[in-house]
PDB file of N, CA and C in Angstrom:
ATOM      1  N   MET A   1      96.931  22.909  39.620  1.00  0.00           N
ATOM      2  CA  MET A   1      96.855  21.284  38.976  1.00  0.00           C
ATOM      3  C   MET A   1      97.712  20.812  39.484  1.00  0.00           C
ATOM      4  N   PHE A   2      96.964  19.045  39.440  1.00  0.00           N
ATOM      5  CA  PHE A   2      97.772  18.330  40.177  1.00  0.00           C
ATOM      6  C   PHE A   2      98.003  17.343  38.753  1.00  0.00           C
ATOM      7  N   VAL A   3      99.345  16.750  38.810  1.00  0.00           N
ATOM      8  CA  VAL A   3      99.875  15.604  38.267  1.00  0.00           C
ATOM      9  C   VAL A   3     100.941  14.719  38.550  1.00  0.00           C
ATOM     10  N   ILE A   4     100.166  13.000  38.508  1.00  0.00           N
ATOM     11  CA  ILE A   4     100.687  12.018  38.499  1.00  0.00           C
ATOM     12  C   ILE A   4     101.473  11.790  37.529  1.00  0.00           C
ATOM     13  N   LEU A   5     102.657  10.744  38.184  1.00  0.00           N
ATOM     14  CA  LEU A   5     103.733  10.812  36.716  1.00  0.00           C
ATOM     15  C   LEU A   5     104.356   9.383  36.779  1.00  0.00           C
ATOM     16  N   TRP A   6     103.895   8.014  36.004  1.00  0.00           N
ATOM     17  CA  TRP A   6     104.575   6.941  36.345  1.00  0.00           C
ATOM     18  C   TRP A   6     105.280   6.636  35.297  1.00  0.00           C
ATOM     19  N   GLU A   7     106.257   5.875  35.405  1.00  0.00           N
ATOM     20  CA  GLU A   7     107.206   4.577  33.971  1.00  0.00           C
ATOM     21  C   GLU A   7     106.764   3.468  34.189  1.00  0.00           C
ATOM     22  N   PHE A   8     106.439   3.022  32.889  1.00  0.00           N
ATOM     23  CA  PHE A   8     106.416   1.456  33.348  1.00  0.00           C
ATOM     24  C   PHE A   8     106.805   0.776  32.130  1.00  0.00           C
ATOM     25  N   GLU A   9     107.619  -0.468  32.508  1.00  0.00           N
ATOM     26  CA  GLU A   9     108.055  -1.206  31.640  1.00  0.00           C
ATOM     27  C   GLU A   9     107.382  -2.184  31.138  1.00  0.00           C
ATOM     28  N   VAL A  10     106.859  -2.437  30.053  1.00  0.00           N
ATOM     29  CA  VAL A  10     105.508  -3.663  28.900  1.00  0.00           C
ATOM     30  C   VAL A  10     106.469  -4.272  28.481  1.00  0.00           C
ATOM     31  N   LYS A  11     105.658  -5.499  29.195  1.00  0.00           N
ATOM     32  CA  LYS A  11     106.287  -7.102  28.526  1.00  0.00           C
ATOM     33  C   LYS A  11     106.032  -6.907  26.818  1.00  0.00           C
ATOM     34  N   PRO A  12     107.558  -7.117  26.351  1.00  0.00           N
ATOM     35  CA  PRO A  12     107.288  -7.581  24.981  1.00  0.00           C
ATOM     36  C   PRO A  12     106.410  -8.006  24.253  1.00  0.00           C
ATOM     37  N   GLY A  13     105.831  -7.817  23.398  1.00  0.00           N
ATOM     38  CA  GLY A  13     104.708  -8.182  22.689  1.00  0.00           C
ATOM     39  C   GLY A  13     103.091  -7.851  23.342  1.00  0.00           C
ATOM     40  N   LEU A  14     103.277  -7.196  24.069  1.00  0.00           N
ATOM     41  CA  LEU A  14     102.203  -6.423  24.742  1.00  0.00           C
ATOM     42  C   LEU A  14     101.555  -5.017  24.998  1.00  0.00           C
ATOM     43  N   GLU A  15     102.593  -4.061  23.884  1.00  0.00           N
ATOM     44  CA  GLU A  15     102.527  -2.890  23.489  1.00  0.00           C
ATOM     45  C   GLU A  15     100.888  -2.279  23.140  1.00  0.00           C
ATOM     46  N   ALA A  16     100.859  -2.695  22.345  1.00  0.00           N
ATOM     47  CA  ALA A  16      99.072  -2.393  21.956  1.00  0.00           C
ATOM     48  C   ALA A  16      98.472  -2.774  22.896  1.00  0.00           C
ATOM     49  N   ARG A  17      98.544  -3.426  23.124  1.00  0.00           N
ATOM     50  CA  ARG A  17      97.219  -3.779  24.577  1.00  0.00           C
ATOM     51  C   ARG A  17      97.587  -2.829  25.984  1.00  0.00           C
ATOM     52  N   PHE A  18      98.927  -2.621  26.561  1.00  0.00           N
ATOM     53  CA  PHE A  18      99.286  -1.379  27.263  1.00  0.00           C
ATOM     54  C   PHE A  18      98.584  -0.215  26.913  1.00  0.00           C
ATOM     55  N   GLU A  19      99.173   0.369  25.378  1.00  0.00           N
ATOM     56  CA  GLU A  19      98.221   1.361  25.247  1.00  0.00           C
ATOM     57  C   GLU A  19      97.101   1.897  24.924  1.00  0.00           C
ATOM     58  N   SER A  20      96.005   0.528  24.784  1.00  0.00           N
ATOM     59  CA  SER A  20      94.804   0.382  24.337  1.00  0.00           C
ATOM     60  C   SER A  20      94.285   0.686  26.325  1.00  0.00           C
ATOM     61  N   VAL A  21      94.871   0.689  27.066  1.00  0.00           N
ATOM     62  CA  VAL A  21      94.661   0.665  28.580  1.00  0.00           C
ATOM     63  C   VAL A  21      95.014   1.950  29.090  1.00  0.00           C
ATOM     64  N   TYR A  22      96.074   2.451  28.859  1.00  0.00           N
ATOM     65  CA  TYR A  22      96.487   3.398  29.480  1.00  0.00           C
ATOM     66  C   TYR A  22      96.882   4.597  28.843  1.00  0.00           C
ATOM     67  N   GLY A  23      96.295   4.753  27.296  1.00  0.00           N
ATOM     68  CA  GLY A  23      96.252   6.256  26.841  1.00  0.00           C
ATOM     69  C   GLY A  23      95.081   6.773  27.135  1.00  0.00           C
ATOM     70  N   PRO A  24      95.060   8.010  26.594  1.00  0.00           N
ATOM     71  CA  PRO A  24      93.982   8.773  27.168  1.00  0.00           C
ATOM     72  C   PRO A  24      92.511   8.494  26.525  1.00  0.00           C
ATOM     73  N   GLU A  25      92.487   7.343  26.032  1.00  0.00           N
ATOM     74  CA  GLU A  25      91.039   6.811  25.916  1.00  0.00           C
ATOM     75  C   GLU A  25      90.579   5.781  26.303  1.00  0.00           C
ATOM     76  N   GLY A  26      91.772   4.968  27.174  1.00  0.00           N
ATOM     77  CA  GLY A  26      92.140   3.881  27.596  1.00  0.00           C
ATOM     78  C   GLY A  26      91.132   3.602  29.117  1.00  0.00           C
ATOM     79  N   GLY A  27      91.527   2.838  29.953  1.00  0.00           N
ATOM     80  CA  GLY A  27      90.580   2.413  30.556  1.00  0.00           C
ATOM     81  C   GLY A  27      90.800   3.514  32.062  1.00  0.00           C
ATOM     82  N   TRP A  28      92.136   3.237  31.965  1.00  0.00           N
ATOM     83  CA  TRP A  28      91.931   4.380  33.487  1.00  0.00           C
ATOM     84  C   TRP A  28      91.608   5.536  33.050  1.00  0.00           C
ATOM     85  N   ALA A  29      91.827   6.012  31.698  1.00  0.00           N
ATOM     86  CA  ALA A  29      90.558   7.602  31.132  1.00  0.00           C
ATOM     87  C   ALA A  29      89.313   7.495  31.546  1.00  0.00           C
ATOM     88  N   ARG A  30      88.823   6.334  31.306  1.00  0.00           N
ATOM     89  CA  ARG A  30      87.667   6.217  31.133  1.00  0.00           C
ATOM     90  C   ARG A  30      87.342   6.035  32.378  1.00  0.00           C
ATOM     91  N   LEU A  31      87.949   5.523  33.518  1.00  0.00           N
ATOM     92  CA  LEU A  31      87.411   5.713  35.237  1.00  0.00           C
ATOM     93  C   LEU A  31      87.731   7.197  35.462  1.00  0.00           C
ATOM     94  N   PHE A  32      88.822   7.899  35.213  1.00  0.00           N
ATOM     95  CA  PHE A  32      88.910   8.954  35.819  1.00  0.00           C
ATOM     96  C   PHE A  32      88.209  10.001  35.860  1.00  0.00           C
ATOM     97  N   ALA A  33      87.707   9.933  34.076  1.00  0.00           N
ATOM     98  CA  ALA A  33      86.650  10.401  33.655  1.00  0.00           C
ATOM     99  C   ALA A  33      85.264  10.662  34.353  1.00  0.00           C
ATOM    100  N   LEU A  34      85.043  10.005  35.226  1.00  0.00           N
ATOM    101  CA  LEU A  34      83.778   9.159  36.084  1.00  0.00           C
ATOM    102  C   LEU A  34      83.485  11.185  36.942  1.00  0.00           C
ATOM    103  N   SER A  35      85.209  11.602  36.996  1.00  0.00           N
ATOM    104  CA  SER A  35      85.364  13.032  38.480  1.00  0.00           C
ATOM    105  C   SER A  35      85.495  14.142  37.034  1.00  0.00           C
ATOM    106  N   PRO A  36      84.457  14.956  37.262  1.00  0.00           N
ATOM    107  CA  PRO A  36      84.889  16.276  36.729  1.00  0.00           C
ATOM    108  C   PRO A  36      86.418  16.972  36.665  1.00  0.00           C
ATOM    109  N   ALA A  37      86.639  16.841  37.860  1.00  0.00           N
ATOM    110  CA  ALA A  37      88.060  17.185  38.227  1.00  0.00           C
ATOM    111  C   ALA A  37      89.055  16.843  37.444  1.00  0.00           C
ATOM    112  N   TYR A  38      89.103  15.698  36.959  1.00  0.00           N
ATOM    113  CA  TYR A  38      90.220  15.213  36.145  1.00  0.00           C
ATOM    114  C   TYR A  38      89.725  16.182  34.762  1.00  0.00           C
ATOM    115  N   LEU A  39      91.300  16.061  34.509  1.00  0.00           N
ATOM    116  CA  LEU A  39      91.932  16.666  33.075  1.00  0.00           C
ATOM    117  C   LEU A  39      92.207  16.231  32.168  1.00  0.00           C
ATOM    118  N   GLY A  40      92.410  15.143  32.307  1.00  0.00           N
ATOM    119  CA  GLY A  40      93.289  14.186  31.132  1.00  0.00           C
ATOM    120  C   GLY A  40      94.555  13.371  31.387  1.00  0.00           C
ATOM    121  N   THR A  41      94.855  12.757  30.685  1.00  0.00           N
ATOM    122  CA  THR A  41      96.204  11.509  30.434  1.00  0.00           C
ATOM    123  C   THR A  41      96.491  11.677  29.321  1.00  0.00           C
ATOM    124  N   ARG A  42      98.343  11.750  29.712  1.00  0.00           N
ATOM    125  CA  ARG A  42      99.308  12.006  28.659  1.00  0.00           C
ATOM    126  C   ARG A  42     100.086  10.211  28.762  1.00  0.00           C
ATOM    127  N   LEU A  43      99.861   9.592  27.382  1.00  0.00           N
ATOM    128  CA  LEU A  43     101.064   8.577  27.016  1.00  0.00           C
ATOM    129  C   LEU A  43     101.735   8.516  26.571  1.00  0.00           C
ATOM    130  N   LEU A  44     103.031   8.551  26.852  1.00  0.00           N
ATOM    131  CA  LEU A  44     104.747   9.248  26.087  1.00  0.00           C
ATOM    132  C   LEU A  44     105.677   7.604  25.695  1.00  0.00           C
ATOM    133  N   ARG A  45     105.791   7.111  24.559  1.00  0.00           N
ATOM    134  CA  ARG A  45     106.780   6.373  24.538  1.00  0.00           C
ATOM    135  C   ARG A  45     108.398   6.459  24.357  1.00  0.00           C
ATOM    136  N   GLU A  46     109.042   5.795  25.358  1.00  0.00           N
ATOM    137  CA  GLU A  46     110.533   6.233  25.357  1.00  0.00           C
ATOM    138  C   GLU A  46     111.017   5.959  24.034  1.00  0.00           C
ATOM    139  N   CYS A  47     111.440   6.922  23.275  1.00  0.00           N
ATOM    140  CA  CYS A  47     112.527   6.543  22.191  1.00  0.00           C
ATOM    141  C   CYS A  47     113.744   5.724  22.320  1.00  0.00           C
ATOM    142  N   GLN A  48     114.337   5.513  23.311  1.00  0.00           N
ATOM    143  CA  GLN A  48     115.822   4.745  23.206  1.00  0.00           C
ATOM    144  C   GLN A  48     115.430   3.650  23.733  1.00  0.00           C
ATOM    145  N   ARG A  49     114.316   3.183  24.477  1.00  0.00           N
ATOM    146  CA  ARG A  49     114.091   2.424  25.172  1.00  0.00           C
ATOM    147  C   ARG A  49     113.059   1.781  24.571  1.00  0.00           C
ATOM    148  N   PRO A  50     112.629   0.486  24.022  1.00  0.00           N
ATOM    149  CA  PRO A  50     111.601   0.053  23.649  1.00  0.00           C
ATOM    150  C   PRO A  50     110.324  -0.014  25.021  1.00  0.00           C
ATOM    151  N   GLY A  51     109.440  -0.499  24.737  1.00  0.00           N
ATOM    152  CA  GLY A  51     108.846  -1.181  26.364  1.00  0.00           C
ATOM    153  C   GLY A  51     108.302   0.069  27.055  1.00  0.00           C
ATOM    154  N   VAL A  52     109.269   0.991  27.191  1.00  0.00           N
ATOM    155  CA  VAL A  52     109.221   2.032  28.683  1.00  0.00           C
ATOM    156  C   VAL A  52     108.102   2.916  27.812  1.00  0.00           C
ATOM    157  N   TYR A  53     107.306   3.438  28.866  1.00  0.00           N
ATOM    158  CA  TYR A  53     106.413   4.463  28.419  1.00  0.00           C
ATOM    159  C   TYR A  53     106.185   5.336  30.346  1.00  0.00           C
ATOM    160  N   LEU A  54     105.559   6.468  29.771  1.00  0.00           N
ATOM    161  CA  LEU A  54     105.381   7.207  30.793  1.00  0.00           C
ATOM    162  C   LEU A  54     104.203   7.771  30.666  1.00  0.00           C
ATOM    163  N   THR A  55     103.279   8.043  32.180  1.00  0.00           N
ATOM    164  CA  THR A  55     101.981   8.586  31.825  1.00  0.00           C
ATOM    165  C   THR A  55     101.933   9.661  32.770  1.00  0.00           C
ATOM    166  N   LEU A  56     101.069  10.663  32.663  1.00  0.00           N
ATOM    167  CA  LEU A  56     101.030  11.881  32.882  1.00  0.00           C
ATOM    168  C   LEU A  56      99.170  12.255  33.138  1.00  0.00           C
ATOM    169  N   ASP A  57      98.765  11.858  34.307  1.00  0.00           N
ATOM    170  CA  ASP A  57      97.577  12.172  34.776  1.00  0.00           C
ATOM    171  C   ASP A  57      96.956  13.422  35.087  1.00  0.00           C
ATOM    172  N   GLN A  58      96.079  14.248  34.679  1.00  0.00           N
ATOM    173  CA  GLN A  58      96.596  15.539  35.045  1.00  0.00           C
ATOM    174  C   GLN A  58      95.095  16.078  35.677  1.00  0.00           C
ATOM    175  N   TRP A  59      94.888  16.556  36.726  1.00  0.00           N
ATOM    176  CA  TRP A  59      94.253  16.869  37.811  1.00  0.00           C
ATOM    177  C   TRP A  59      93.456  18.027  38.301  1.00  0.00           C
ATOM    178  N   SER A  60      92.374  19.128  38.381  1.00  0.00           N
ATOM    179  CA  SER A  60      92.585  20.263  38.689  1.00  0.00           C
ATOM    180  C   SER A  60      93.141  20.217  40.064  1.00  0.00           C
ATOM    181  N   SER A  61      92.849  19.406  41.220  1.00  0.00           N
ATOM    182  CA  SER A  61      93.544  19.541  42.732  1.00  0.00           C
ATOM    183  C   SER A  61      94.432  18.184  43.246  1.00  0.00           C
ATOM    184  N   ARG A  62      95.102  18.083  43.961  1.00  0.00           N
ATOM    185  CA  ARG A  62      95.134  16.999  44.943  1.00  0.00           C
ATOM    186  C   ARG A  62      94.386  16.382  45.623  1.00  0.00           C
ATOM    187  N   GLU A  63      93.359  17.439  46.029  1.00  0.00           N
ATOM    188  CA  GLU A  63      92.006  17.049  46.623  1.00  0.00           C
ATOM    189  C   GLU A  63      91.435  16.258  45.888  1.00  0.00           C
ATOM    190  N   ALA A  64      90.985  16.614  44.712  1.00  0.00           N
ATOM    191  CA  ALA A  64      90.361  16.087  44.053  1.00  0.00           C
ATOM    192  C   ALA A  64      90.225  14.535  43.686  1.00  0.00           C
ATOM    193  N   TYR A  65      91.769  14.406  43.375  1.00  0.00           N
ATOM    194  CA  TYR A  65      92.163  13.445  42.548  1.00  0.00           C
ATOM    195  C   TYR A  65      92.221  12.687  44.613  1.00  0.00           C
ATOM    196  N   ASP A  66      92.960  12.846  45.127  1.00  0.00           N
ATOM    197  CA  ASP A  66      92.795  11.830  46.521  1.00  0.00           C
ATOM    198  C   ASP A  66      91.102  11.478  46.864  1.00  0.00           C
ATOM    199  N   GLY A  67      90.147  12.764  46.902  1.00  0.00           N
ATOM    200  CA  GLY A  67      89.009  12.183  46.976  1.00  0.00           C
ATOM    201  C   GLY A  67      88.295  11.398  46.038  1.00  0.00           C
ATOM    202  N   PHE A  68      88.717  11.347  44.673  1.00  0.00           N
ATOM    203  CA  PHE A  68      88.429  10.323  44.005  1.00  0.00           C
ATOM    204  C   PHE A  68      89.050   8.728  44.107  1.00  0.00           C
ATOM    205  N   ARG A  69      89.979   8.904  45.088  1.00  0.00           N
ATOM    206  CA  ARG A  69      90.708   7.682  44.767  1.00  0.00           C
ATOM    207  C   ARG A  69      89.797   6.897  46.314  1.00  0.00           C
ATOM    208  N   ARG A  70      89.473   7.862  46.809  1.00  0.00           N
ATOM    209  CA  ARG A  70      88.908   6.879  48.218  1.00  0.00           C
ATOM    210  C   ARG A  70      87.259   6.834  47.716  1.00  0.00           C
ATOM    211  N   GLY A  71      86.776   7.162  47.269  1.00  0.00           N
ATOM    212  CA  GLY A  71      85.249   7.307  46.694  1.00  0.00           C
ATOM    213  C   GLY A  71      85.263   5.914  45.697  1.00  0.00           C
ATOM    214  N   HIS A  72      86.660   5.388  44.846  1.00  0.00           N
ATOM    215  CA  HIS A  72      86.664   4.467  43.646  1.00  0.00           C
ATOM    216  C   HIS A  72      87.557   3.113  43.641  1.00  0.00           C
ATOM    217  N   ALA A  73      87.701   3.195  45.441  1.00  0.00           N
ATOM    218  CA  ALA A  73      88.978   2.516  45.453  1.00  0.00           C
ATOM    219  C   ALA A  73      89.177   1.365  44.887  1.00  0.00           C
ATOM    220  N   ALA A  74      87.859   0.414  44.873  1.00  0.00           N
ATOM    221  CA  ALA A  74      87.361  -1.183  44.385  1.00  0.00           C
ATOM    222  C   ALA A  74      87.946  -0.599  42.644  1.00  0.00           C
ATOM    223  N   GLU A  75      87.631   0.173  41.904  1.00  0.00           N
ATOM    224  CA  GLU A  75      87.590   0.023  41.091  1.00  0.00           C
ATOM    225  C   GLU A  75      88.609   0.329  40.506  1.00  0.00           C
ATOM    226  N   TYR A  76      89.553   0.960  41.252  1.00  0.00           N
ATOM    227  CA  TYR A  76      91.137   1.496  40.982  1.00  0.00           C
ATOM    228  C   TYR A  76      91.812   0.446  41.563  1.00  0.00           C
ATOM    229  N   ALA A  77      91.413  -0.627  42.007  1.00  0.00           N
ATOM    230  CA  ALA A  77      92.572  -1.689  42.536  1.00  0.00           C
ATOM    231  C   ALA A  77      92.527  -2.729  41.327  1.00  0.00           C
ATOM    232  N   ALA A  78      90.813  -2.504  40.873  1.00  0.00           N
ATOM    233  CA  ALA A  78      90.647  -3.732  40.000  1.00  0.00           C
ATOM    234  C   ALA A  78      91.624  -3.302  38.704  1.00  0.00           C
ATOM    235  N   LEU A  79      91.306  -2.501  38.194  1.00  0.00           N
ATOM    236  CA  LEU A  79      92.239  -1.995  36.994  1.00  0.00           C
ATOM    237  C   LEU A  79      93.839  -1.878  36.903  1.00  0.00           C
ATOM    238  N   ASP A  80      94.545  -2.087  38.586  1.00  0.00           N
ATOM    239  CA  ASP A  80      95.378  -1.749  38.756  1.00  0.00           C
ATOM    240  C   ASP A  80      96.163  -3.096  38.793  1.00  0.00           C
ATOM    241  N   ALA A  81      94.831  -4.161  39.413  1.00  0.00           N
ATOM    242  CA  ALA A  81      95.489  -5.806  39.338  1.00  0.00           C
ATOM    243  C   ALA A  81      95.739  -6.453  37.596  1.00  0.00           C
ATOM    244  N   ALA A  82      94.546  -6.020  37.154  1.00  0.00           N
ATOM    245  CA  ALA A  82      94.235  -6.147  35.346  1.00  0.00           C
ATOM    246  C   ALA A  82      95.632  -5.543  34.963  1.00  0.00           C
ATOM    247  N   GLY A  83      96.082  -4.319  34.630  1.00  0.00           N
ATOM    248  CA  GLY A  83      97.657  -3.932  34.306  1.00  0.00           C
ATOM    249  C   GLY A  83      98.016  -4.631  34.613  1.00  0.00           C
ATOM    250  N   GLU A  84      98.320  -5.102  35.869  1.00  0.00           N
ATOM    251  CA  GLU A  84      99.938  -5.964  36.303  1.00  0.00           C
ATOM    252  C   GLU A  84     100.352  -6.835  35.134  1.00  0.00           C
ATOM    253  N   GLU A  85      99.091  -7.440  34.767  1.00  0.00           N
ATOM    254  CA  GLU A  85      99.683  -8.815  33.897  1.00  0.00           C
ATOM    255  C   GLU A  85     100.520  -8.066  32.525  1.00  0.00           C
ATOM    256  N   LEU A  86     100.303  -6.829  32.736  1.00  0.00           N
ATOM    257  CA  LEU A  86     100.947  -6.340  30.850  1.00  0.00           C
ATOM    258  C   LEU A  86     101.905  -5.623  31.308  1.00  0.00           C
ATOM    259  N   THR A  87     103.182  -5.261  32.159  1.00  0.00           N
ATOM    260  CA  THR A  87     103.860  -4.909  32.905  1.00  0.00           C
ATOM    261  C   THR A  87     105.197  -5.788  33.468  1.00  0.00           C
ATOM    262  N   LEU A  88     106.529  -5.363  33.421  1.00  0.00           N
ATOM    263  CA  LEU A  88     107.534  -5.764  33.749  1.00  0.00           C
ATOM    264  C   LEU A  88     107.503  -5.237  35.355  1.00  0.00           C
ATOM    265  N   ARG A  89     107.986  -3.779  35.035  1.00  0.00           N
ATOM    266  CA  ARG A  89     107.441  -2.935  35.999  1.00  0.00           C
ATOM    267  C   ARG A  89     106.775  -1.937  36.142  1.00  0.00           C
ATOM    268  N   GLU A  90     106.895  -1.169  36.910  1.00  0.00           N
ATOM    269  CA  GLU A  90     105.973   0.188  37.379  1.00  0.00           C
ATOM    270  C   GLU A  90     106.207   1.004  38.210  1.00  0.00           C
ATOM    271  N   ARG A  91     106.970   2.340  38.103  1.00  0.00           N
ATOM    272  CA  ARG A  91     107.514   2.910  39.646  1.00  0.00           C
ATOM    273  C   ARG A  91     106.584   4.214  39.073  1.00  0.00           C
ATOM    274  N   HIS A  92     106.483   4.632  40.327  1.00  0.00           N
ATOM    275  CA  HIS A  92     105.911   6.005  40.434  1.00  0.00           C
ATOM    276  C   HIS A  92     106.804   6.918  40.323  1.00  0.00           C
ATOM    277  N   LEU A  93     107.027   8.013  39.737  1.00  0.00           N
ATOM    278  CA  LEU A  93     107.684   8.929  39.408  1.00  0.00           C
ATOM    279  C   LEU A  93     107.605  10.214  40.687  1.00  0.00           C
ATOM    280  N   GLY A  94     106.308  10.847  40.389  1.00  0.00           N
ATOM    281  CA  GLY A  94     106.196  11.810  41.509  1.00  0.00           C
ATOM    282  C   GLY A  94     104.630  12.321  41.126  1.00  0.00           C
ATOM    283  N   SER A  95     104.203  12.922  42.092  1.00  0.00           N
ATOM    284  CA  SER A  95     102.834  14.154  41.705  1.00  0.00           C
ATOM    285  C   SER A  95     103.480  15.592  42.279  1.00  0.00           C
ATOM    286  N   PHE A  96     102.771  16.027  41.180  1.00  0.00           N
ATOM    287  CA  PHE A  96     103.510  17.487  41.182  1.00  0.00           C
ATOM    288  C   PHE A  96     102.566  18.295  41.013  1.00  0.00           C
ATOM    289  N   GLU A  97     102.630  20.041  42.115  1.00  0.00           N
ATOM    290  CA  GLU A  97     101.595  20.794  41.669  1.00  0.00           C
ATOM    291  C   GLU A  97     102.127  21.814  41.311  1.00  0.00           C
ATOM    292  N   GLY A  98     101.424  22.471  40.443  1.00  0.00           N
ATOM    293  CA  GLY A  98     101.748  23.721  39.859  1.00  0.00           C
ATOM    294  C   GLY A  98     100.177  24.746  39.012  1.00  0.00           C
ATOM    295  N   GLU A  99     100.807  25.716  38.666  1.00  0.00           N
ATOM    296  CA  GLU A  99      99.696  26.518  38.337  1.00  0.00           C
ATOM    297  C   GLU A  99      98.875  25.786  36.481  1.00  0.00           C
ATOM    298  N   ALA A 100      97.711  25.823  36.753  1.00  0.00           N
ATOM    299  CA  ALA A 100      96.997  25.554  35.537  1.00  0.00           C
ATOM    300  C   ALA A 100      97.555  26.291  34.694  1.00  0.00           C
ATOM    301  N   GLY A 101      97.493  25.950  33.368  1.00  0.00           N
ATOM    302  CA  GLY A 101      98.170  26.929  32.245  1.00  0.00           C
ATOM    303  C   GLY A 101      99.697  26.949  32.423  1.00  0.00           C
ATOM    304  N   SER A 102     100.293  26.881  32.734  1.00  0.00           N
ATOM    305  CA  SER A 102     101.793  27.146  32.999  1.00  0.00           C
ATOM    306  C   SER A 102     102.425  26.029  32.500  1.00  0.00           C
ATOM    307  N   ASP A 103     102.578  26.114  31.350  1.00  0.00           N
ATOM    308  CA  ASP A 103     103.146  24.807  30.319  1.00  0.00           C
ATOM    309  C   ASP A 103     104.624  25.971  29.721  1.00  0.00           C
ATOM    310  N   ALA A 104     105.197  26.105  30.856  1.00  0.00           N
ATOM    311  CA  ALA A 104     106.477  26.904  30.238  1.00  0.00           C
ATOM    312  C   ALA A 104     107.486  26.330  30.095  1.00  0.00           C
ATOM    313  N   ALA A 105     108.147  26.202  28.719  1.00  0.00           N
ATOM    314  CA  ALA A 105     109.536  24.999  28.705  1.00  0.00           C
ATOM    315  C   ALA A 105     110.757  25.521  29.232  1.00  0.00           C
ATOM    316  N   HIS A 106     111.315  24.619  30.107  1.00  0.00           N
ATOM    317  CA  HIS A 106     113.123  24.927  29.746  1.00  0.00           C
ATOM    318  C   HIS A 106     113.825  24.316  29.645  1.00  0.00           C
TER     319      HIS A 106
END
């Protein structure tokens, strides 16, 4: 499994709109769902910092994700540009590989 983790600081008052675009049923998830290698998105809201969110996009493999990005570069760029209107800041926290089904908590 391959997971991409992003942190976003959302502009005040645009949280609901952000959640509708970046959530598990949002625009990003619909775009990613064009690939059978896409496993889902999780959207987490920070409890102590209003307007701060994490997204976790899950893929079957890094190769599948990279191939999807190459094949859908224009759609990805357009959605990314539209999302910039909703955020003050976004930061890629990392890309992680692991075994599918290994949800061991530490």
